[in-house]
Protein backbone atom coordinates (compact mmCIF):
# COMPACT_ATOMS: atom_id res chain seq x y z
CA MET A 1 205.80 167.91 229.01
CA THR A 2 204.94 170.21 226.86
CA ASP A 3 203.94 173.05 228.13
CA GLY A 4 207.08 174.83 229.11
CA THR A 5 209.41 177.83 229.31
CA ASP A 6 211.86 178.59 232.47
CA GLY A 7 214.20 180.94 231.69
CA THR A 8 214.63 183.66 229.86
CA ASP A 9 211.62 184.68 227.64
CA LYS A 10 212.99 185.06 224.44
CA ALA A 11 209.36 185.21 222.93
CA ASP A 12 208.82 188.47 224.32
CA GLY A 13 211.99 190.39 225.40
CA ARG A 14 212.21 189.48 229.08
CA ASN A 15 214.16 188.40 230.67
CA VAL A 16 212.57 186.30 234.19
CA ARG A 17 215.74 184.88 235.31
CA ASP A 18 216.73 187.79 237.21
CA GLU A 19 214.42 187.13 241.17
CA ALA A 20 213.21 189.32 242.61
CA ASP A 21 212.61 190.26 246.63
CA GLY A 22 209.83 188.69 247.68
CA THR A 23 207.23 186.82 248.56
CA GLY A 24 203.52 185.69 248.36
CA GLY A 25 202.00 186.15 250.83
CA THR A 26 201.56 186.76 255.30
CA GLY A 27 202.76 184.51 257.36
CA LYS A 28 200.01 181.47 257.72
CA ALA A 29 198.26 180.21 261.01
CA ASP A 30 196.38 177.69 262.51
CA GLY A 31 193.24 178.08 264.72
CA THR A 32 194.41 179.12 267.70
CA GLY A 33 195.96 181.71 265.69
CA VAL A 34 199.62 181.02 266.30
CA ALA A 35 201.93 180.57 263.11
CA ARG A 36 201.89 177.44 261.50
CA GLU A 37 204.42 176.68 258.77
CA ARG A 38 206.05 173.76 257.45
CA GLY A 39 208.77 174.83 255.17
CA GLY A 40 212.14 172.82 253.71
CA SER A 41 211.15 171.96 250.85
CA LEU A 42 210.22 173.84 247.39
CA VAL A 43 206.52 174.20 248.32
CA ARG A 44 205.81 176.29 251.80
CA GLU A 45 203.27 175.67 253.15
CA ALA A 46 201.70 177.38 256.27
CA HIS A 47 198.40 178.02 258.33
CA GLU A 48 195.93 180.54 259.86
CA ARG A 49 192.20 180.97 260.06
CA GLY A 50 191.15 177.83 257.84
CA ILE A 51 193.35 179.28 255.06
CA ALA A 52 197.01 176.80 253.60
CA THR A 53 198.75 179.04 252.22
CA LEU A 54 201.63 176.81 249.58
CA THR A 55 204.20 179.50 248.32
CA LEU A 56 205.90 177.77 244.96
CA ASP A 57 209.40 178.66 246.59
CA SER A 58 212.13 177.02 243.51
CA PRO A 59 213.88 180.27 243.41
CA ALA A 60 216.58 177.94 241.33
CA ASN A 61 214.90 178.19 238.25
CA ARG A 62 211.85 179.98 239.01
CA ASN A 63 208.94 177.79 240.32
CA ALA A 64 209.35 175.87 237.17
CA LEU A 65 207.52 172.96 237.23
CA SER A 66 210.22 170.37 237.55
CA ALA A 67 209.73 165.99 239.11
CA PRO A 68 210.18 168.12 242.80
CA LEU A 69 207.81 170.93 242.84
CA VAL A 70 205.17 169.16 240.48
CA ALA A 71 205.58 165.65 243.95
CA GLY A 72 205.86 168.72 246.43
CA LEU A 73 202.74 170.36 245.07
CA GLY A 74 200.55 167.71 244.89
CA ALA A 75 201.60 166.39 248.52
CA ALA A 76 201.10 169.90 250.30
CA LEU A 77 197.57 169.36 248.21
CA ALA A 78 196.82 166.09 249.20
CA ARG A 79 197.74 167.37 252.85
CA CYS A 80 195.15 169.95 253.02
CA ALA A 81 192.31 167.67 251.43
CA GLY A 82 192.52 165.76 254.43
CA ASP A 83 192.64 168.73 256.89
CA PRO A 84 189.71 169.18 258.20
CA GLY A 85 190.99 172.38 259.74
CA VAL A 86 191.82 173.99 256.02
CA ARG A 87 188.31 176.09 254.75
CA ALA A 88 190.51 177.02 251.20
CA VAL A 89 193.76 177.67 249.58
CA LEU A 90 195.57 180.26 248.89
CA LEU A 91 198.90 179.79 246.14
CA THR A 92 201.47 182.45 245.68
CA HIS A 93 204.97 182.09 245.00
CA THR A 94 208.77 183.69 245.65
CA GLY A 95 210.08 186.43 243.63
CA ASN A 96 208.92 187.71 240.25
CA THR A 97 208.13 184.32 238.32
CA PHE A 98 204.72 182.87 239.54
CA CYS A 99 205.92 179.90 237.52
CA ALA A 100 207.80 179.92 234.62
CA GLY A 101 206.66 176.83 233.54
CA ALA A 102 208.02 172.78 232.52
CA ASP A 103 211.00 172.78 233.81
CA LEU A 104 213.41 171.91 230.60
CA LYS A 105 216.07 170.69 232.30
CA ALA A 106 214.54 168.53 234.48
CA PRO A 107 210.39 168.08 233.38
CA PRO A 108 207.34 166.04 235.86
CA ASP A 109 205.85 162.95 234.13
CA PRO A 110 203.20 164.83 231.46
CA GLU A 111 200.61 161.94 232.92
CA ALA A 112 201.99 164.06 236.85
CA PHE A 113 201.02 167.48 235.24
CA VAL A 114 197.64 166.28 233.80
CA ALA A 115 197.19 164.63 237.69
CA LEU A 116 198.08 167.92 239.49
CA MET A 117 195.90 170.61 237.00
CA ARG A 118 193.05 168.14 238.23
CA THR A 119 193.60 167.51 242.00
CA VAL A 120 193.24 171.61 241.34
CA VAL A 121 190.13 171.48 240.65
CA GLU A 122 189.17 168.78 242.32
CA LEU A 123 189.68 168.98 245.41
CA ARG A 124 186.94 169.93 247.67
CA LYS A 125 187.77 172.99 248.79
CA PRO A 126 188.81 175.90 246.99
CA VAL A 127 192.17 177.12 245.34
CA VAL A 128 192.95 180.82 244.94
CA ALA A 129 196.10 182.05 243.00
CA ARG A 130 198.19 185.14 244.22
CA VAL A 131 200.46 186.03 241.66
CA THR A 132 202.87 189.18 241.20
CA GLY A 133 204.70 187.75 239.43
CA HIS A 134 205.29 186.75 235.02
CA VAL A 135 203.08 183.03 234.21
CA ARG A 136 204.56 181.17 231.16
CA ALA A 137 203.61 178.18 229.61
CA GLY A 138 203.34 175.10 231.49
CA GLY A 139 202.40 177.42 234.40
CA LEU A 140 199.26 179.05 232.80
CA GLY A 141 197.93 175.29 233.14
CA LEU A 142 198.59 175.58 236.53
CA LEU A 143 196.38 178.70 237.44
CA ALA A 144 193.57 178.23 234.78
CA ALA A 145 193.47 175.06 237.32
CA CYS A 146 192.58 177.68 240.32
CA ASP A 147 189.43 178.50 240.94
CA ILE A 148 189.96 181.87 241.36
CA ALA A 149 193.12 184.40 240.40
CA VAL A 150 193.43 187.75 241.42
CA ALA A 151 196.92 188.60 239.69
CA GLY A 152 199.14 192.24 240.47
CA PRO A 153 200.26 195.08 238.30
CA ASP A 154 204.23 193.44 237.52
CA SER A 155 201.95 189.41 236.59
CA SER A 156 202.41 188.93 232.95
CA TYR A 157 201.37 186.13 230.49
CA ALA A 158 202.50 184.94 227.65
CA PHE A 159 201.92 180.96 225.67
CA THR A 160 205.44 180.56 224.40
CA GLU A 161 205.08 176.69 223.31
CA ALA A 162 204.73 177.55 219.80
CA ARG A 163 208.27 179.97 219.26
CA LEU A 164 209.41 176.10 220.59
CA GLY A 165 207.98 173.63 218.28
CA LEU A 166 205.30 172.55 220.56
CA ALA A 167 201.99 173.23 221.90
CA PRO A 168 199.93 174.00 224.68
CA ALA A 169 198.79 170.73 224.90
CA VAL A 170 197.47 169.24 228.11
CA ILE A 171 196.84 172.87 230.09
CA SER A 172 194.95 173.73 227.13
CA MET A 173 192.54 171.37 229.92
CA PRO A 174 192.12 173.77 232.07
CA VAL A 175 193.24 177.17 229.83
CA LEU A 176 190.26 176.64 226.79
CA PRO A 177 187.31 176.34 229.23
CA ARG A 178 187.86 179.54 231.07
CA MET A 179 189.59 182.31 227.98
CA ASP A 180 187.51 183.99 225.48
CA PRO A 181 188.84 182.02 222.49
CA ARG A 182 189.55 184.51 220.81
CA ALA A 183 192.03 185.87 222.86
CA ALA A 184 193.54 181.65 223.32
CA SER A 185 193.00 181.90 219.47
CA ARG A 186 196.29 184.85 219.54
CA TYR A 187 198.36 184.61 222.29
CA TYR A 188 198.10 180.56 221.31
CA LEU A 189 199.59 181.35 217.61
CA THR A 190 201.36 184.04 217.91
CA GLY A 191 202.55 184.27 221.96
CA GLU A 192 202.51 187.09 222.83
CA ARG A 193 203.19 188.89 226.17
CA PHE A 194 200.21 190.29 227.56
CA ASP A 195 199.54 191.86 230.96
CA ALA A 196 196.86 191.74 233.99
CA ALA A 197 194.41 193.77 233.05
CA GLU A 198 194.31 191.85 230.13
CA ALA A 199 194.74 188.62 231.84
CA ALA A 200 191.11 189.45 233.67
CA ARG A 201 189.81 190.40 230.18
CA THR A 202 189.52 187.65 228.87
CA GLY A 203 188.72 185.37 231.91
CA LEU A 204 192.27 184.26 232.24
CA VAL A 205 192.56 185.24 235.48
CA THR A 206 189.42 186.32 237.73
CA LEU A 207 190.87 190.27 238.60
CA ALA A 208 192.82 192.33 238.05
CA ALA A 209 194.21 194.60 241.22
CA ASP A 210 197.00 197.78 242.08
CA ASP A 211 197.12 195.68 245.33
CA VAL A 212 196.80 192.25 245.36
CA ASP A 213 196.38 191.65 249.49
CA ALA A 214 193.07 194.52 249.31
CA ALA A 215 191.63 192.17 246.46
CA LEU A 216 191.60 189.11 248.21
CA GLU A 217 190.66 189.89 252.03
CA PRO A 218 186.57 189.69 250.73
CA VAL A 219 187.72 186.56 249.21
CA LEU A 220 189.52 185.07 252.70
CA ASP A 221 186.79 186.48 254.23
CA GLY A 222 184.06 185.06 252.43
CA LEU A 223 185.75 181.28 252.11
CA ARG A 224 186.00 181.20 255.78
CA ARG A 225 181.91 182.26 256.63
CA SER A 226 181.22 179.68 253.76
CA SER A 227 180.52 175.83 255.27
CA PRO A 228 182.42 172.80 254.34
CA GLU A 229 179.90 171.03 252.48
CA GLY A 230 178.86 174.04 250.79
CA LEU A 231 182.07 175.13 249.45
CA ALA A 232 183.02 171.71 248.16
CA ALA A 233 179.19 171.80 246.01
CA SER A 234 179.90 174.69 244.37
CA LYS A 235 182.80 174.48 244.01
CA ALA A 236 181.65 170.45 242.12
CA LEU A 237 179.24 173.51 239.97
CA VAL A 238 181.61 175.43 238.40
CA THR A 239 184.48 172.98 237.67
CA ALA A 240 181.81 170.41 235.99
CA THR A 241 182.77 171.60 232.36
CA VAL A 242 186.14 171.93 233.66
CA SER A 243 186.27 168.38 234.79
CA GLU A 244 184.27 167.25 231.64
CA THR A 245 187.89 168.54 229.80
CA PHE A 246 189.46 166.02 231.61
CA ASP A 247 187.73 163.34 231.37
CA ARG A 248 187.39 164.01 227.94
CA TRP A 249 190.63 164.54 227.19
CA SER A 250 193.78 163.81 229.55
CA LYS A 251 195.31 160.94 227.39
CA GLU A 252 194.49 162.09 223.80
CA LEU A 253 196.71 165.39 224.89
CA THR A 254 198.74 164.13 227.22
CA ALA A 255 200.57 161.38 224.10
CA ARG A 256 199.85 164.48 222.27
CA SER A 257 201.69 166.49 224.01
CA ALA A 258 204.80 163.58 224.45
CA SER A 259 204.94 163.43 220.36
CA LEU A 260 205.30 166.89 220.13
CA PHE A 261 208.15 167.02 222.82
CA ALA A 262 209.79 164.80 220.55
CA SER A 263 209.91 166.50 217.16
CA ALA A 264 212.97 167.09 215.75
CA GLU A 265 211.46 171.00 215.94
CA ALA A 266 210.76 170.79 219.46
CA ARG A 267 214.04 169.59 219.29
CA GLU A 268 215.52 172.55 218.25
CA GLY A 269 214.00 174.60 219.72
CA VAL A 270 214.77 173.85 223.56
CA THR A 271 218.59 173.77 221.91
CA ALA A 272 217.96 177.34 220.77
CA PHE A 273 215.62 178.75 224.29
CA LEU A 274 219.11 176.71 226.38
CA GLU A 275 221.42 178.83 224.49
CA ARG A 276 219.70 181.99 223.76
CA ARG A 277 219.65 181.61 220.35
CA ASP A 278 216.97 181.87 217.85
CA PRO A 279 215.85 178.59 216.21
CA ALA A 280 216.19 177.91 212.96
CA TRP A 281 212.78 178.47 211.58
CA VAL A 282 212.77 182.01 213.05
CA LEU A 283 211.85 185.00 209.78
């Protein structure tokens, strides 16, 4: 999979290997008001009043998209899809990184990652992202697949693929229908880091807020007040273009991703990244 970087962000000089204490989201409960949580994996699951909170919890690789994490998140979303008590999903994270992109040491199958993004897009229940940390490369595809995204002041974003000899191939399917085209051109080509305010301005996230949880309160309240079928039908309308993009481009972009990852430039870029040095092409 070409959409990823899972460690020190050489592209912008920041080190996203450093984990800070913290957790995304609050304890959740079932319809009885009693907290209900499923743990012990790379994706923690908890429920409260119709909201299922899925927390990416893989601190060893900064929530990078490893094969186990992709499988675990897919399984958790499947449980939410089949649970009539779940009205919406809140996707968040532990530590100071929402998702560092693909795990370059143990990447998932590209088709599995594409299937995960499409699951988020086509789930009949809204998926809301709570972002208070860094998002890089493939993680931006997961973020863009969500229906609503609220970002905190400590979050940052970068499409770092070109700096690794790769391209934001499969993540373009959810990203490009949502993001301002001029902004996408700039950040795809330069790999520059940008902040939450810029992410909101460009359409990558819905809202930048100093207090993410306060900003989420009216969003989650609105979802709880909406009917299950009303939400499903409304989501189908606003995700139609993204779904059509998957229909049209999934096969081609998955193949392009695999081809890029197998290239000599990608081997040099990934090796340089893991060795914490500049690749040979840097001027």
